[in-house]
Amino acid sequence: MGPKTQLLIGVLDELATVLESDGDSHWSGWMRKARARLLNSDYSGIEYLLSAYGGMGSLNDVVLGQTYKNGVFEWKPGHVELNEKFTALSSKAWELADAIKRSQ
């Protein structure tokens, strides 16, 4: 396992944790599944991760920190920082996965 893959595994763990902190189970599960494949030296984890990006309903469309209280939309406290962290981790994961894919 190369250094980029090791770094990606850590980023995916952080990304899943951020998603879970906002109650997301779909995308956090996706990140954990990709991470598990990479931990098993299964290259399909790269393709699986990259398939989460792009298109309608993709990881690119995720916005964290939203809620409804008494039927009224509200932003959760700290939503700006949460989304900044999510965006940074998501971008880093894509960049690493793309670099690994290109090197194959």
C-alpha atoms as a PDB file:
ATOM      1  CA  MET A   1       0.000   0.000   0.000  1.00  0.00           C
ATOM      2  CA  GLY A   2       1.434   3.309  -1.079  1.00  0.00           C
ATOM      3  CA  PRO A   3       1.591   6.539   0.906  1.00  0.00           C
ATOM      4  CA  LYS A   4      -1.260   8.152  -1.061  1.00  0.00           C
ATOM      5  CA  THR A   5      -3.496   5.179  -0.330  1.00  0.00           C
ATOM      6  CA  GLN A   6      -2.618   5.360   3.358  1.00  0.00           C
ATOM      7  CA  LEU A   7      -3.407   9.069   3.384  1.00  0.00           C
ATOM      8  CA  LEU A   8      -6.686   8.443   1.535  1.00  0.00           C
ATOM      9  CA  ILE A   9      -7.743   5.842   4.106  1.00  0.00           C
ATOM     10  CA  GLY A  10      -7.305   8.439   6.858  1.00  0.00           C
ATOM     11  CA  VAL A  11      -9.212  11.082   4.892  1.00  0.00           C
ATOM     12  CA  LEU A  12     -12.075   8.641   4.279  1.00  0.00           C
ATOM     13  CA  ASP A  13     -12.267   7.892   7.996  1.00  0.00           C
ATOM     14  CA  GLU A  14     -12.464  11.614   8.805  1.00  0.00           C
ATOM     15  CA  LEU A  15     -15.009  12.175   6.035  1.00  0.00           C
ATOM     16  CA  ALA A  16     -17.241   9.380   7.321  1.00  0.00           C
ATOM     17  CA  THR A  17     -17.025  10.810  10.838  1.00  0.00           C
ATOM     18  CA  VAL A  18     -18.045  14.294   9.650  1.00  0.00           C
ATOM     19  CA  LEU A  19     -20.999  12.860   7.744  1.00  0.00           C
ATOM     20  CA  GLU A  20     -22.069  10.772  10.737  1.00  0.00           C
ATOM     21  CA  SER A  21     -21.855  13.821  12.991  1.00  0.00           C
ATOM     22  CA  ASP A  22     -24.707  15.310  10.950  1.00  0.00           C
ATOM     23  CA  GLY A  23     -26.758  12.116  10.998  1.00  0.00           C
ATOM     24  CA  ASP A  24     -25.859  10.910   7.502  1.00  0.00           C
ATOM     25  CA  SER A  25     -25.683   7.154   7.114  1.00  0.00           C
ATOM     26  CA  HIS A  26     -25.774   6.742   3.319  1.00  0.00           C
ATOM     27  CA  TRP A  27     -22.628   8.643   2.366  1.00  0.00           C
ATOM     28  CA  SER A  28     -20.771   7.807   5.555  1.00  0.00           C
ATOM     29  CA  GLY A  29     -21.404   4.132   4.811  1.00  0.00           C
ATOM     30  CA  TRP A  30     -20.134   4.685   1.263  1.00  0.00           C
ATOM     31  CA  MET A  31     -16.883   6.186   2.594  1.00  0.00           C
ATOM     32  CA  ARG A  32     -16.446   3.359   5.093  1.00  0.00           C
ATOM     33  CA  LYS A  33     -17.014   0.750   2.375  1.00  0.00           C
ATOM     34  CA  ALA A  34     -14.418   2.379   0.109  1.00  0.00           C
ATOM     35  CA  ARG A  35     -12.026   2.584   3.076  1.00  0.00           C
ATOM     36  CA  ALA A  36     -12.525  -1.097   3.925  1.00  0.00           C
ATOM     37  CA  ARG A  37     -11.748  -2.107   0.356  1.00  0.00           C
ATOM     38  CA  LEU A  38      -8.567  -0.040   0.370  1.00  0.00           C
ATOM     39  CA  LEU A  39      -7.508  -1.511   3.714  1.00  0.00           C
ATOM     40  CA  ASN A  40      -7.816  -4.929   2.046  1.00  0.00           C
ATOM     41  CA  SER A  41      -5.592  -3.725  -0.824  1.00  0.00           C
ATOM     42  CA  ASP A  42      -8.628  -3.912  -3.126  1.00  0.00           C
ATOM     43  CA  TYR A  43      -8.222  -1.355  -5.921  1.00  0.00           C
ATOM     44  CA  SER A  44     -11.990  -1.408  -6.528  1.00  0.00           C
ATOM     45  CA  GLY A  45     -12.175   0.927  -3.523  1.00  0.00           C
ATOM     46  CA  ILE A  46     -10.759   3.691  -5.744  1.00  0.00           C
ATOM     47  CA  GLU A  47     -13.356   3.163  -8.472  1.00  0.00           C
ATOM     48  CA  TYR A  48     -16.111   2.826  -5.870  1.00  0.00           C
ATOM     49  CA  LEU A  49     -15.079   6.081  -4.186  1.00  0.00           C
ATOM     50  CA  LEU A  50     -14.807   8.015  -7.451  1.00  0.00           C
ATOM     51  CA  SER A  51     -18.279   6.814  -8.472  1.00  0.00           C
ATOM     52  CA  ALA A  52     -19.700   8.847  -5.562  1.00  0.00           C
ATOM     53  CA  TYR A  53     -18.737  12.093  -7.302  1.00  0.00           C
ATOM     54  CA  GLY A  54     -20.623  13.804 -10.138  1.00  0.00           C
ATOM     55  CA  GLY A  55     -24.183  13.652 -11.349  1.00  0.00           C
ATOM     56  CA  MET A  56     -27.456  14.399  -9.645  1.00  0.00           C
ATOM     57  CA  GLY A  57     -27.759  13.149  -6.092  1.00  0.00           C
ATOM     58  CA  SER A  58     -24.018  12.604  -5.783  1.00  0.00           C
ATOM     59  CA  LEU A  59     -21.688  13.418  -2.933  1.00  0.00           C
ATOM     60  CA  ASN A  60     -21.123  16.773  -4.650  1.00  0.00           C
ATOM     61  CA  ASP A  61     -24.732  17.716  -3.812  1.00  0.00           C
ATOM     62  CA  VAL A  62     -24.462  17.095  -0.070  1.00  0.00           C
ATOM     63  CA  VAL A  63     -25.033  20.072   2.226  1.00  0.00           C
ATOM     64  CA  LEU A  64     -24.714  19.416   5.940  1.00  0.00           C
ATOM     65  CA  GLY A  65     -26.224  21.232   8.902  1.00  0.00           C
ATOM     66  CA  GLN A  66     -29.825  21.481   7.735  1.00  0.00           C
ATOM     67  CA  THR A  67     -32.820  20.652   9.879  1.00  0.00           C
ATOM     68  CA  TYR A  68     -36.524  21.323  10.319  1.00  0.00           C
ATOM     69  CA  LYS A  69     -37.871  22.495  13.647  1.00  0.00           C
ATOM     70  CA  ASN A  70     -41.634  22.630  14.014  1.00  0.00           C
ATOM     71  CA  GLY A  71     -41.909  22.386  10.221  1.00  0.00           C
ATOM     72  CA  VAL A  72     -39.598  25.332   9.628  1.00  0.00           C
ATOM     73  CA  PHE A  73     -36.217  25.016   7.902  1.00  0.00           C
ATOM     74  CA  GLU A  74     -33.235  25.962  10.059  1.00  0.00           C
ATOM     75  CA  TRP A  75     -29.482  25.785   9.889  1.00  0.00           C
ATOM     76  CA  LYS A  76     -27.834  23.925  12.743  1.00  0.00           C
ATOM     77  CA  PRO A  77     -25.274  25.829  14.809  1.00  0.00           C
ATOM     78  CA  GLY A  78     -21.815  25.501  13.263  1.00  0.00           C
ATOM     79  CA  HIS A  79     -23.140  24.591   9.807  1.00  0.00           C
ATOM     80  CA  VAL A  80     -20.657  26.833   7.995  1.00  0.00           C
ATOM     81  CA  GLU A  81     -17.613  25.242   9.633  1.00  0.00           C
ATOM     82  CA  LEU A  82     -19.108  21.770   9.214  1.00  0.00           C
ATOM     83  CA  ASN A  83     -19.599  22.298   5.477  1.00  0.00           C
ATOM     84  CA  GLU A  84     -16.136  23.804   5.067  1.00  0.00           C
ATOM     85  CA  LYS A  85     -14.600  20.743   6.717  1.00  0.00           C
ATOM     86  CA  PHE A  86     -16.770  18.398   4.648  1.00  0.00           C
ATOM     87  CA  THR A  87     -15.842  20.164   1.403  1.00  0.00           C
ATOM     88  CA  ALA A  88     -12.129  20.121   2.200  1.00  0.00           C
ATOM     89  CA  LEU A  89     -12.148  16.412   3.087  1.00  0.00           C
ATOM     90  CA  SER A  90     -14.327  15.491   0.120  1.00  0.00           C
ATOM     91  CA  SER A  91     -12.044  17.384  -2.258  1.00  0.00           C
ATOM     92  CA  LYS A  92      -8.938  15.811  -0.738  1.00  0.00           C
ATOM     93  CA  ALA A  93     -10.444  12.323  -1.049  1.00  0.00           C
ATOM     94  CA  TRP A  94     -11.256  12.897  -4.719  1.00  0.00           C
ATOM     95  CA  GLU A  95      -7.808  14.342  -5.465  1.00  0.00           C
ATOM     96  CA  LEU A  96      -6.024  11.401  -3.818  1.00  0.00           C
ATOM     97  CA  ALA A  97      -8.251   8.790  -5.466  1.00  0.00           C
ATOM     98  CA  ASP A  98      -7.839  10.423  -8.853  1.00  0.00           C
ATOM     99  CA  ALA A  99      -4.052  10.557  -8.438  1.00  0.00           C
ATOM    100  CA  ILE A 100      -3.968   6.891  -7.447  1.00  0.00           C
ATOM    101  CA  LYS A 101      -6.143   5.955 -10.415  1.00  0.00           C
ATOM    102  CA  ARG A 102      -3.917   7.897 -12.823  1.00  0.00           C
ATOM    103  CA  SER A 103      -0.815   6.161 -11.488  1.00  0.00           C
ATOM    104  CA  GLN A 104      -2.216   2.690 -12.246  1.00  0.00           C
END
